[in-house]
């Protein structure tokens, strides 16, 4: 998951830290939606599954953020570890879009 041979710690910190913060932001927004709204298009089980995956991803990103901080930018994260988080954010955006289309604000 982590790559400890980063030749550019400042570049890595400048890109990786904001990316991880973005994941946390979108996961938190999606989590709030799932915890406060009924998402008819997902169904009860689908909504519970997505929420559980979000909580797991938040924990994983938090652990990655802590390691990047502790390593002071000398460790990276393999893109194979980032891709599931990216896919989950995309899935959450799609769910939120469907929910907004189903519940337009008057």
PDB file of N, CA and C in Angstrom:
ATOM      1  N   UNK A   1       0.815  -1.187   0.000  1.00  0.00           N
ATOM      2  CA  UNK A   1       0.000   0.000   0.000  1.00  0.00           C
ATOM      3  C   UNK A   1       0.859   1.251   0.000  1.00  0.00           C
ATOM      4  N   UNK A   2       1.906   1.288   0.781  1.00  0.00           N
ATOM      5  CA  UNK A   2       2.734   2.473   0.877  1.00  0.00           C
ATOM      6  C   UNK A   2       4.038   2.272   0.125  1.00  0.00           C
ATOM      7  N   UNK A   3       4.525   3.356  -0.460  1.00  0.00           N
ATOM      8  CA  UNK A   3       5.780   3.369  -1.184  1.00  0.00           C
ATOM      9  C   UNK A   3       6.732   4.260  -0.402  1.00  0.00           C
ATOM     10  N   UNK A   4       7.811   3.681   0.140  1.00  0.00           N
ATOM     11  CA  UNK A   4       8.732   4.420   0.985  1.00  0.00           C
ATOM     12  C   UNK A   4       9.936   4.970   0.221  1.00  0.00           C
ATOM     13  N   UNK A   5       9.876   4.988  -1.094  1.00  0.00           N
ATOM     14  CA  UNK A   5      10.993   5.475  -1.886  1.00  0.00           C
ATOM     15  C   UNK A   5      10.593   6.706  -2.687  1.00  0.00           C
ATOM     16  N   UNK A   6      10.019   7.678  -2.066  1.00  0.00           N
ATOM     17  CA  UNK A   6       9.582   8.887  -2.740  1.00  0.00           C
ATOM     18  C   UNK A   6      10.757   9.841  -2.947  1.00  0.00           C
ATOM     19  N   UNK A   7      11.074  10.198  -4.189  1.00  0.00           N
ATOM     20  CA  UNK A   7      12.179  11.106  -4.429  1.00  0.00           C
ATOM     21  C   UNK A   7      11.807  12.574  -4.183  1.00  0.00           C
ATOM     22  N   UNK A   8      10.538  12.907  -4.147  1.00  0.00           N
ATOM     23  CA  UNK A   8      10.093  14.292  -4.012  1.00  0.00           C
ATOM     24  C   UNK A   8       9.095  14.441  -2.870  1.00  0.00           C
ATOM     25  N   UNK A   9       9.560  14.470  -1.614  1.00  0.00           N
ATOM     26  CA  UNK A   9       8.626  14.536  -0.491  1.00  0.00           C
ATOM     27  C   UNK A   9       7.717  15.764  -0.511  1.00  0.00           C
ATOM     28  N   UNK A  10       8.228  16.926  -0.928  1.00  0.00           N
ATOM     29  CA  UNK A  10       7.398  18.133  -0.947  1.00  0.00           C
ATOM     30  C   UNK A  10       6.309  18.029  -2.009  1.00  0.00           C
ATOM     31  N   UNK A  11       6.661  17.506  -3.163  1.00  0.00           N
ATOM     32  CA  UNK A  11       5.672  17.308  -4.223  1.00  0.00           C
ATOM     33  C   UNK A  11       4.624  16.302  -3.770  1.00  0.00           C
ATOM     34  N   UNK A  12       5.083  15.231  -3.163  1.00  0.00           N
ATOM     35  CA  UNK A  12       4.172  14.202  -2.673  1.00  0.00           C
ATOM     36  C   UNK A  12       3.218  14.783  -1.633  1.00  0.00           C
ATOM     37  N   UNK A  13       3.757  15.550  -0.688  1.00  0.00           N
ATOM     38  CA  UNK A  13       2.917  16.174   0.334  1.00  0.00           C
ATOM     39  C   UNK A  13       1.928  17.145  -0.306  1.00  0.00           C
ATOM     40  N   UNK A  14       2.381  17.873  -1.306  1.00  0.00           N
ATOM     41  CA  UNK A  14       1.533  18.867  -1.963  1.00  0.00           C
ATOM     42  C   UNK A  14       0.392  18.262  -2.761  1.00  0.00           C
ATOM     43  N   UNK A  15       0.550  17.037  -3.186  1.00  0.00           N
ATOM     44  CA  UNK A  15      -0.492  16.368  -3.960  1.00  0.00           C
ATOM     45  C   UNK A  15      -1.273  15.376  -3.104  1.00  0.00           C
ATOM     46  N   UNK A  16      -0.566  14.569  -2.351  1.00  0.00           N
ATOM     47  CA  UNK A  16      -1.209  13.486  -1.611  1.00  0.00           C
ATOM     48  C   UNK A  16      -2.072  13.989  -0.454  1.00  0.00           C
ATOM     49  N   UNK A  17      -1.562  14.920   0.326  1.00  0.00           N
ATOM     50  CA  UNK A  17      -2.346  15.405   1.465  1.00  0.00           C
ATOM     51  C   UNK A  17      -3.675  16.030   1.019  1.00  0.00           C
ATOM     52  N   UNK A  18      -3.681  16.917   0.020  1.00  0.00           N
ATOM     53  CA  UNK A  18      -4.963  17.466  -0.422  1.00  0.00           C
ATOM     54  C   UNK A  18      -5.898  16.400  -1.007  1.00  0.00           C
ATOM     55  N   UNK A  19      -5.323  15.416  -1.683  1.00  0.00           N
ATOM     56  CA  UNK A  19      -6.153  14.342  -2.232  1.00  0.00           C
ATOM     57  C   UNK A  19      -6.841  13.562  -1.118  1.00  0.00           C
ATOM     58  N   UNK A  20      -6.090  13.221  -0.085  1.00  0.00           N
ATOM     59  CA  UNK A  20      -6.671  12.498   1.042  1.00  0.00           C
ATOM     60  C   UNK A  20      -7.723  13.351   1.756  1.00  0.00           C
ATOM     61  N   UNK A  21      -7.470  14.647   1.859  1.00  0.00           N
ATOM     62  CA  UNK A  21      -8.460  15.553   2.453  1.00  0.00           C
ATOM     63  C   UNK A  21      -9.738  15.584   1.606  1.00  0.00           C
ATOM     64  N   UNK A  22      -9.581  15.577   0.294  1.00  0.00           N
ATOM     65  CA  UNK A  22     -10.750  15.544  -0.587  1.00  0.00           C
ATOM     66  C   UNK A  22     -11.558  14.265  -0.393  1.00  0.00           C
ATOM     67  N   UNK A  23     -10.865  13.137  -0.295  1.00  0.00           N
ATOM     68  CA  UNK A  23     -11.580  11.885  -0.040  1.00  0.00           C
ATOM     69  C   UNK A  23     -12.390  12.008   1.255  1.00  0.00           C
ATOM     70  N   UNK A  24     -11.762  12.511   2.292  1.00  0.00           N
ATOM     71  CA  UNK A  24     -12.458  12.645   3.571  1.00  0.00           C
ATOM     72  C   UNK A  24     -13.677  13.571   3.449  1.00  0.00           C
ATOM     73  N   UNK A  25     -13.520  14.659   2.735  1.00  0.00           N
ATOM     74  CA  UNK A  25     -14.615  15.614   2.554  1.00  0.00           C
ATOM     75  C   UNK A  25     -15.811  14.941   1.881  1.00  0.00           C
ATOM     76  N   UNK A  26     -15.559  14.272   0.759  1.00  0.00           N
ATOM     77  CA  UNK A  26     -16.658  13.650   0.015  1.00  0.00           C
ATOM     78  C   UNK A  26     -17.239  12.457   0.757  1.00  0.00           C
ATOM     79  N   UNK A  27     -16.405  11.708   1.453  1.00  0.00           N
ATOM     80  CA  UNK A  27     -16.934  10.595   2.248  1.00  0.00           C
ATOM     81  C   UNK A  27     -17.833  11.117   3.369  1.00  0.00           C
ATOM     82  N   UNK A  28     -17.426  12.209   4.005  1.00  0.00           N
ATOM     83  CA  UNK A  28     -18.228  12.756   5.093  1.00  0.00           C
ATOM     84  C   UNK A  28     -19.559  13.302   4.571  1.00  0.00           C
ATOM     85  N   UNK A  29     -19.527  14.004   3.462  1.00  0.00           N
ATOM     86  CA  UNK A  29     -20.789  14.508   2.867  1.00  0.00           C
ATOM     87  C   UNK A  29     -21.717  13.359   2.517  1.00  0.00           C
ATOM     88  N   UNK A  30     -21.179  12.322   1.919  1.00  0.00           N
ATOM     89  CA  UNK A  30     -21.980  11.171   1.529  1.00  0.00           C
ATOM     90  C   UNK A  30     -22.501  10.431   2.743  1.00  0.00           C
ATOM     91  N   UNK A  31     -21.671  10.319   3.741  1.00  0.00           N
ATOM     92  CA  UNK A  31     -22.096   9.651   4.976  1.00  0.00           C
ATOM     93  C   UNK A  31     -23.263  10.408   5.609  1.00  0.00           C
ATOM     94  N   UNK A  32     -23.157  11.730   5.641  1.00  0.00           N
ATOM     95  CA  UNK A  32     -24.241  12.543   6.196  1.00  0.00           C
ATOM     96  C   UNK A  32     -25.544  12.310   5.424  1.00  0.00           C
ATOM     97  N   UNK A  33     -25.454  12.284   4.109  1.00  0.00           N
ATOM     98  CA  UNK A  33     -26.641  12.029   3.285  1.00  0.00           C
ATOM     99  C   UNK A  33     -27.247  10.670   3.617  1.00  0.00           C
ATOM    100  N   UNK A  34     -26.414   9.653   3.683  1.00  0.00           N
ATOM    101  CA  UNK A  34     -26.905   8.301   3.942  1.00  0.00           C
ATOM    102  C   UNK A  34     -27.458   8.139   5.354  1.00  0.00           C
ATOM    103  N   UNK A  35     -26.925   8.889   6.295  1.00  0.00           N
ATOM    104  CA  UNK A  35     -27.395   8.779   7.680  1.00  0.00           C
ATOM    105  C   UNK A  35     -28.649   9.610   7.948  1.00  0.00           C
ATOM    106  N   UNK A  36     -28.931  10.587   7.076  1.00  0.00           N
ATOM    107  CA  UNK A  36     -30.057  11.477   7.351  1.00  0.00           C
ATOM    108  C   UNK A  36     -31.201  11.369   6.356  1.00  0.00           C
ATOM    109  N   UNK A  37     -30.981  10.708   5.240  1.00  0.00           N
ATOM    110  CA  UNK A  37     -32.009  10.620   4.198  1.00  0.00           C
ATOM    111  C   UNK A  37     -32.262   9.166   3.820  1.00  0.00           C
ATOM    112  N   UNK A  38     -33.472   8.899   3.394  1.00  0.00           N
ATOM    113  CA  UNK A  38     -33.765   7.588   2.823  1.00  0.00           C
ATOM    114  C   UNK A  38     -33.525   7.692   1.327  1.00  0.00           C
ATOM    115  N   UNK A  39     -32.652   6.856   0.830  1.00  0.00           N
ATOM    116  CA  UNK A  39     -32.306   6.866  -0.591  1.00  0.00           C
ATOM    117  C   UNK A  39     -33.067   5.721  -1.258  1.00  0.00           C
ATOM    118  N   UNK A  40     -34.215   6.056  -1.825  1.00  0.00           N
ATOM    119  CA  UNK A  40     -35.100   5.025  -2.372  1.00  0.00           C
ATOM    120  C   UNK A  40     -34.430   4.185  -3.450  1.00  0.00           C
ATOM    121  N   UNK A  41     -33.596   4.806  -4.254  1.00  0.00           N
ATOM    122  CA  UNK A  41     -32.968   4.085  -5.360  1.00  0.00           C
ATOM    123  C   UNK A  41     -32.006   2.997  -4.889  1.00  0.00           C
ATOM    124  N   UNK A  42     -31.535   3.092  -3.649  1.00  0.00           N
ATOM    125  CA  UNK A  42     -30.604   2.088  -3.121  1.00  0.00           C
ATOM    126  C   UNK A  42     -31.324   0.954  -2.403  1.00  0.00           C
ATOM    127  N   UNK A  43     -32.470   1.270  -1.817  1.00  0.00           N
ATOM    128  CA  UNK A  43     -33.115   0.295  -0.951  1.00  0.00           C
ATOM    129  C   UNK A  43     -32.409   0.275   0.398  1.00  0.00           C
ATOM    130  N   UNK A  44     -33.057  -0.314   1.366  1.00  0.00           N
ATOM    131  CA  UNK A  44     -32.520  -0.319   2.729  1.00  0.00           C
ATOM    132  C   UNK A  44     -31.182  -1.040   2.815  1.00  0.00           C
ATOM    133  N   UNK A  45     -31.091  -2.214   2.216  1.00  0.00           N
ATOM    134  CA  UNK A  45     -29.845  -2.985   2.283  1.00  0.00           C
ATOM    135  C   UNK A  45     -28.721  -2.304   1.511  1.00  0.00           C
ATOM    136  N   UNK A  46     -29.044  -1.781   0.347  1.00  0.00           N
ATOM    137  CA  UNK A  46     -28.030  -1.095  -0.457  1.00  0.00           C
ATOM    138  C   UNK A  46     -27.496   0.138   0.240  1.00  0.00           C
ATOM    139  N   UNK A  47     -28.385   0.875   0.901  1.00  0.00           N
ATOM    140  CA  UNK A  47     -27.971   2.064   1.629  1.00  0.00           C
ATOM    141  C   UNK A  47     -27.079   1.684   2.813  1.00  0.00           C
ATOM    142  N   UNK A  48     -27.457   0.636   3.526  1.00  0.00           N
ATOM    143  CA  UNK A  48     -26.644   0.174   4.665  1.00  0.00           C
ATOM    144  C   UNK A  48     -25.276  -0.307   4.182  1.00  0.00           C
ATOM    145  N   UNK A  49     -25.243  -0.986   3.048  1.00  0.00           N
ATOM    146  CA  UNK A  49     -23.971  -1.472   2.495  1.00  0.00           C
ATOM    147  C   UNK A  49     -23.071  -0.312   2.104  1.00  0.00           C
ATOM    148  N   UNK A  50     -23.635   0.676   1.417  1.00  0.00           N
ATOM    149  CA  UNK A  50     -22.836   1.830   1.007  1.00  0.00           C
ATOM    150  C   UNK A  50     -22.325   2.585   2.227  1.00  0.00           C
ATOM    151  N   UNK A  51     -23.157   2.748   3.223  1.00  0.00           N
ATOM    152  CA  UNK A  51     -22.737   3.429   4.449  1.00  0.00           C
ATOM    153  C   UNK A  51     -21.595   2.670   5.128  1.00  0.00           C
ATOM    154  N   UNK A  52     -21.695   1.365   5.196  1.00  0.00           N
ATOM    155  CA  UNK A  52     -20.627   0.561   5.815  1.00  0.00           C
ATOM    156  C   UNK A  52     -19.319   0.701   5.027  1.00  0.00           C
ATOM    157  N   UNK A  53     -19.414   0.704   3.706  1.00  0.00           N
ATOM    158  CA  UNK A  53     -18.206   0.868   2.891  1.00  0.00           C
ATOM    159  C   UNK A  53     -17.605   2.254   3.066  1.00  0.00           C
ATOM    160  N   UNK A  54     -18.456   3.264   3.221  1.00  0.00           N
ATOM    161  CA  UNK A  54     -17.966   4.623   3.462  1.00  0.00           C
ATOM    162  C   UNK A  54     -17.214   4.719   4.786  1.00  0.00           C
ATOM    163  N   UNK A  55     -17.803   4.143   5.818  1.00  0.00           N
ATOM    164  CA  UNK A  55     -17.159   4.176   7.137  1.00  0.00           C
ATOM    165  C   UNK A  55     -15.805   3.478   7.085  1.00  0.00           C
ATOM    166  N   UNK A  56     -15.740   2.342   6.413  1.00  0.00           N
ATOM    167  CA  UNK A  56     -14.475   1.615   6.261  1.00  0.00           C
ATOM    168  C   UNK A  56     -13.458   2.463   5.497  1.00  0.00           C
ATOM    169  N   UNK A  57     -13.896   3.090   4.419  1.00  0.00           N
ATOM    170  CA  UNK A  57     -12.989   3.919   3.623  1.00  0.00           C
ATOM    171  C   UNK A  57     -12.503   5.118   4.426  1.00  0.00           C
ATOM    172  N   UNK A  58     -13.376   5.726   5.226  1.00  0.00           N
ATOM    173  CA  UNK A  58     -12.949   6.840   6.071  1.00  0.00           C
ATOM    174  C   UNK A  58     -11.851   6.406   7.039  1.00  0.00           C
ATOM    175  N   UNK A  59     -11.995   5.230   7.600  1.00  0.00           N
ATOM    176  CA  UNK A  59     -10.979   4.717   8.519  1.00  0.00           C
ATOM    177  C   UNK A  59      -9.659   4.468   7.783  1.00  0.00           C
ATOM    178  N   UNK A  60      -9.755   3.919   6.581  1.00  0.00           N
ATOM    179  CA  UNK A  60      -8.548   3.663   5.795  1.00  0.00           C
ATOM    180  C   UNK A  60      -7.844   4.962   5.422  1.00  0.00           C
ATOM    181  N   UNK A  61      -8.603   5.957   4.989  1.00  0.00           N
ATOM    182  CA  UNK A  61      -8.007   7.244   4.615  1.00  0.00           C
ATOM    183  C   UNK A  61      -7.399   7.911   5.843  1.00  0.00           C
ATOM    184  N   UNK A  62      -8.069   7.829   6.982  1.00  0.00           N
ATOM    185  CA  UNK A  62      -7.510   8.391   8.218  1.00  0.00           C
ATOM    186  C   UNK A  62      -6.176   7.748   8.558  1.00  0.00           C
ATOM    187  N   UNK A  63      -6.092   6.438   8.414  1.00  0.00           N
ATOM    188  CA  UNK A  63      -4.832   5.736   8.681  1.00  0.00           C
ATOM    189  C   UNK A  63      -3.756   6.183   7.697  1.00  0.00           C
ATOM    190  N   UNK A  64      -4.117   6.331   6.434  1.00  0.00           N
ATOM    191  CA  UNK A  64      -3.158   6.792   5.434  1.00  0.00           C
ATOM    192  C   UNK A  64      -2.687   8.204   5.742  1.00  0.00           C
ATOM    193  N   UNK A  65      -3.618   9.076   6.141  1.00  0.00           N
ATOM    194  CA  UNK A  65      -3.234  10.444   6.493  1.00  0.00           C
ATOM    195  C   UNK A  65      -2.254  10.462   7.658  1.00  0.00           C
ATOM    196  N   UNK A  66      -2.511   9.640   8.640  1.00  0.00           N
ATOM    197  CA  UNK A  66      -1.629   9.585   9.804  1.00  0.00           C
ATOM    198  C   UNK A  66      -0.232   9.107   9.393  1.00  0.00           C
ATOM    199  N   UNK A  67      -0.164   8.085   8.570  1.00  0.00           N
ATOM    200  CA  UNK A  67       1.139   7.578   8.143  1.00  0.00           C
ATOM    201  C   UNK A  67       1.898   8.593   7.300  1.00  0.00           C
ATOM    202  N   UNK A  68       1.192   9.283   6.417  1.00  0.00           N
ATOM    203  CA  UNK A  68       1.849  10.300   5.597  1.00  0.00           C
ATOM    204  C   UNK A  68       2.396  11.413   6.490  1.00  0.00           C
ATOM    205  N   UNK A  69       1.614  11.805   7.495  1.00  0.00           N
ATOM    206  CA  UNK A  69       2.067  12.840   8.439  1.00  0.00           C
ATOM    207  C   UNK A  69       3.294  12.373   9.222  1.00  0.00           C
ATOM    208  N   UNK A  70       3.208  11.160   9.761  1.00  0.00           N
ATOM    209  CA  UNK A  70       4.305  10.626  10.573  1.00  0.00           C
ATOM    210  C   UNK A  70       5.573  10.480   9.734  1.00  0.00           C
ATOM    211  N   UNK A  71       5.419  10.083   8.497  1.00  0.00           N
ATOM    212  CA  UNK A  71       6.582   9.885   7.622  1.00  0.00           C
ATOM    213  C   UNK A  71       7.054  11.193   6.993  1.00  0.00           C
ATOM    214  N   UNK A  72       6.379  12.287   7.304  1.00  0.00           N
ATOM    215  CA  UNK A  72       6.750  13.619   6.823  1.00  0.00           C
ATOM    216  C   UNK A  72       6.921  13.676   5.309  1.00  0.00           C
ATOM    217  N   UNK A  73       5.994  13.056   4.598  1.00  0.00           N
ATOM    218  CA  UNK A  73       6.027  13.112   3.145  1.00  0.00           C
ATOM    219  C   UNK A  73       7.012  12.175   2.498  1.00  0.00           C
ATOM    220  N   UNK A  74       7.612  11.279   3.248  1.00  0.00           N
ATOM    221  CA  UNK A  74       8.603  10.356   2.696  1.00  0.00           C
ATOM    222  C   UNK A  74       7.980   9.025   2.297  1.00  0.00           C
ATOM    223  N   UNK A  75       6.664   8.928   2.420  1.00  0.00           N
ATOM    224  CA  UNK A  75       5.954   7.703   2.027  1.00  0.00           C
ATOM    225  C   UNK A  75       4.793   8.098   1.131  1.00  0.00           C
ATOM    226  N   UNK A  76       4.601   7.319   0.101  1.00  0.00           N
ATOM    227  CA  UNK A  76       3.475   7.539  -0.791  1.00  0.00           C
ATOM    228  C   UNK A  76       2.474   6.417  -0.645  1.00  0.00           C
ATOM    229  N   UNK A  77       1.405   6.534  -1.380  1.00  0.00           N
ATOM    230  CA  UNK A  77       0.383   5.492  -1.388  1.00  0.00           C
ATOM    231  C   UNK A  77       0.264   4.972  -2.809  1.00  0.00           C
ATOM    232  N   UNK A  78       0.322   3.690  -2.941  1.00  0.00           N
ATOM    233  CA  UNK A  78       0.198   3.051  -4.238  1.00  0.00           C
ATOM    234  C   UNK A  78      -1.150   3.410  -4.858  1.00  0.00           C
ATOM    235  N   UNK A  79      -1.149   3.672  -6.155  1.00  0.00           N
ATOM    236  CA  UNK A  79      -2.406   4.027  -6.821  1.00  0.00           C
ATOM    237  C   UNK A  79      -3.439   2.908  -6.721  1.00  0.00           C
ATOM    238  N   UNK A  80      -2.993   1.685  -6.565  1.00  0.00           N
ATOM    239  CA  UNK A  80      -3.938   0.568  -6.404  1.00  0.00           C
ATOM    240  C   UNK A  80      -4.748   0.726  -5.118  1.00  0.00           C
ATOM    241  N   UNK A  81      -4.182   1.388  -4.117  1.00  0.00           N
ATOM    242  CA  UNK A  81      -4.920   1.638  -2.876  1.00  0.00           C
ATOM    243  C   UNK A  81      -5.849   2.833  -3.024  1.00  0.00           C
ATOM    244  N   UNK A  82      -5.483   3.790  -3.861  1.00  0.00           N
ATOM    245  CA  UNK A  82      -6.310   4.975  -4.070  1.00  0.00           C
ATOM    246  C   UNK A  82      -7.533   4.711  -4.943  1.00  0.00           C
ATOM    247  N   UNK A  83      -7.411   3.805  -5.872  1.00  0.00           N
ATOM    248  CA  UNK A  83      -8.493   3.586  -6.843  1.00  0.00           C
ATOM    249  C   UNK A  83      -9.821   3.170  -6.205  1.00  0.00           C
ATOM    250  N   UNK A  84      -9.849   2.276  -5.230  1.00  0.00           N
ATOM    251  CA  UNK A  84     -11.142   1.950  -4.612  1.00  0.00           C
ATOM    252  C   UNK A  84     -11.794   3.160  -3.947  1.00  0.00           C
ATOM    253  N   UNK A  85     -10.991   4.042  -3.374  1.00  0.00           N
ATOM    254  CA  UNK A  85     -11.544   5.254  -2.763  1.00  0.00           C
ATOM    255  C   UNK A  85     -12.118   6.163  -3.842  1.00  0.00           C
ATOM    256  N   UNK A  86     -11.406   6.282  -4.940  1.00  0.00           N
ATOM    257  CA  UNK A  86     -11.884   7.100  -6.058  1.00  0.00           C
ATOM    258  C   UNK A  86     -13.202   6.539  -6.605  1.00  0.00           C
ATOM    259  N   UNK A  87     -13.264   5.241  -6.773  1.00  0.00           N
ATOM    260  CA  UNK A  87     -14.494   4.612  -7.268  1.00  0.00           C
ATOM    261  C   UNK A  87     -15.649   4.809  -6.293  1.00  0.00           C
ATOM    262  N   UNK A  88     -15.360   4.751  -5.001  1.00  0.00           N
ATOM    263  CA  UNK A  88     -16.400   4.951  -3.996  1.00  0.00           C
ATOM    264  C   UNK A  88     -16.904   6.395  -4.025  1.00  0.00           C
ATOM    265  N   UNK A  89     -16.015   7.359  -4.181  1.00  0.00           N
ATOM    266  CA  UNK A  89     -16.443   8.757  -4.303  1.00  0.00           C
ATOM    267  C   UNK A  89     -17.340   8.919  -5.525  1.00  0.00           C
ATOM    268  N   UNK A  90     -16.952   8.331  -6.637  1.00  0.00           N
ATOM    269  CA  UNK A  90     -17.755   8.410  -7.859  1.00  0.00           C
ATOM    270  C   UNK A  90     -19.132   7.776  -7.647  1.00  0.00           C
ATOM    271  N   UNK A  91     -19.171   6.648  -6.993  1.00  0.00           N
ATOM    272  CA  UNK A  91     -20.436   5.994  -6.683  1.00  0.00           C
ATOM    273  C   UNK A  91     -21.311   6.902  -5.804  1.00  0.00           C
ATOM    274  N   UNK A  92     -20.716   7.524  -4.822  1.00  0.00           N
ATOM    275  CA  UNK A  92     -21.457   8.421  -3.931  1.00  0.00           C
ATOM    276  C   UNK A  92     -21.989   9.633  -4.686  1.00  0.00           C
ATOM    277  N   UNK A  93     -21.200  10.177  -5.605  1.00  0.00           N
ATOM    278  CA  UNK A  93     -21.676  11.303  -6.414  1.00  0.00           C
ATOM    279  C   UNK A  93     -22.904  10.892  -7.225  1.00  0.00           C
ATOM    280  N   UNK A  94     -22.863   9.698  -7.790  1.00  0.00           N
ATOM    281  CA  UNK A  94     -23.995   9.220  -8.585  1.00  0.00           C
ATOM    282  C   UNK A  94     -25.240   9.053  -7.723  1.00  0.00           C
ATOM    283  N   UNK A  95     -25.085   8.523  -6.528  1.00  0.00           N
ATOM    284  CA  UNK A  95     -26.212   8.350  -5.608  1.00  0.00           C
ATOM    285  C   UNK A  95     -26.784   9.712  -5.230  1.00  0.00           C
ATOM    286  N   UNK A  96     -25.919  10.660  -4.905  1.00  0.00           N
ATOM    287  CA  UNK A  96     -26.376  12.002  -4.524  1.00  0.00           C
ATOM    288  C   UNK A  96     -27.097  12.682  -5.684  1.00  0.00           C
ATOM    289  N   UNK A  97     -26.584  12.526  -6.886  1.00  0.00           N
ATOM    290  CA  UNK A  97     -27.230  13.115  -8.062  1.00  0.00           C
ATOM    291  C   UNK A  97     -28.624  12.532  -8.262  1.00  0.00           C
ATOM    292  N   UNK A  98     -28.733  11.198  -8.199  1.00  0.00           N
ATOM    293  CA  UNK A  98     -30.049  10.564  -8.329  1.00  0.00           C
ATOM    294  C   UNK A  98     -31.000  11.045  -7.249  1.00  0.00           C
ATOM    295  N   UNK A  99     -30.497  11.174  -6.036  1.00  0.00           N
ATOM    296  CA  UNK A  99     -31.332  11.633  -4.925  1.00  0.00           C
ATOM    297  C   UNK A  99     -31.819  13.066  -5.175  1.00  0.00           C
ATOM    298  N   UNK A 100     -30.931  13.949  -5.656  1.00  0.00           N
ATOM    299  CA  UNK A 100     -31.334  15.324  -5.951  1.00  0.00           C
ATOM    300  C   UNK A 100     -32.349  15.373  -7.080  1.00  0.00           C
ATOM    301  N   UNK A 101     -32.187  14.527  -8.080  1.00  0.00           N
ATOM    302  CA  UNK A 101     -33.142  14.507  -9.190  1.00  0.00           C
ATOM    303  C   UNK A 101     -34.507  13.990  -8.724  1.00  0.00           C
ATOM    304  N   UNK A 102     -34.496  13.040  -7.797  1.00  0.00           N
ATOM    305  CA  UNK A 102     -35.751  12.506  -7.259  1.00  0.00           C
ATOM    306  C   UNK A 102     -36.420  13.468  -6.286  1.00  0.00           C
ATOM    307  N   UNK A 103     -35.656  14.384  -5.690  1.00  0.00           N
ATOM    308  CA  UNK A 103     -36.170  15.306  -4.687  1.00  0.00           C
ATOM    309  C   UNK A 103     -35.730  16.738  -5.006  1.00  0.00           C
ATOM    310  N   UNK A 104     -36.254  17.307  -6.104  1.00  0.00           N
ATOM    311  CA  UNK A 104     -35.850  18.671  -6.444  1.00  0.00           C
ATOM    312  C   UNK A 104     -36.343  19.673  -5.393  1.00  0.00           C
ATOM    313  N   UNK A 105     -35.573  20.700  -5.193  1.00  0.00           N
ATOM    314  CA  UNK A 105     -35.943  21.760  -4.253  1.00  0.00           C
ATOM    315  C   UNK A 105     -36.836  22.729  -4.999  1.00  0.00           C
ATOM    316  N   UNK A 106     -37.982  23.022  -4.426  1.00  0.00           N
ATOM    317  CA  UNK A 106     -38.933  23.947  -5.070  1.00  0.00           C
ATOM    318  C   UNK A 106     -38.576  25.384  -4.788  1.00  0.00           C
TER     319      UNK A 106
END
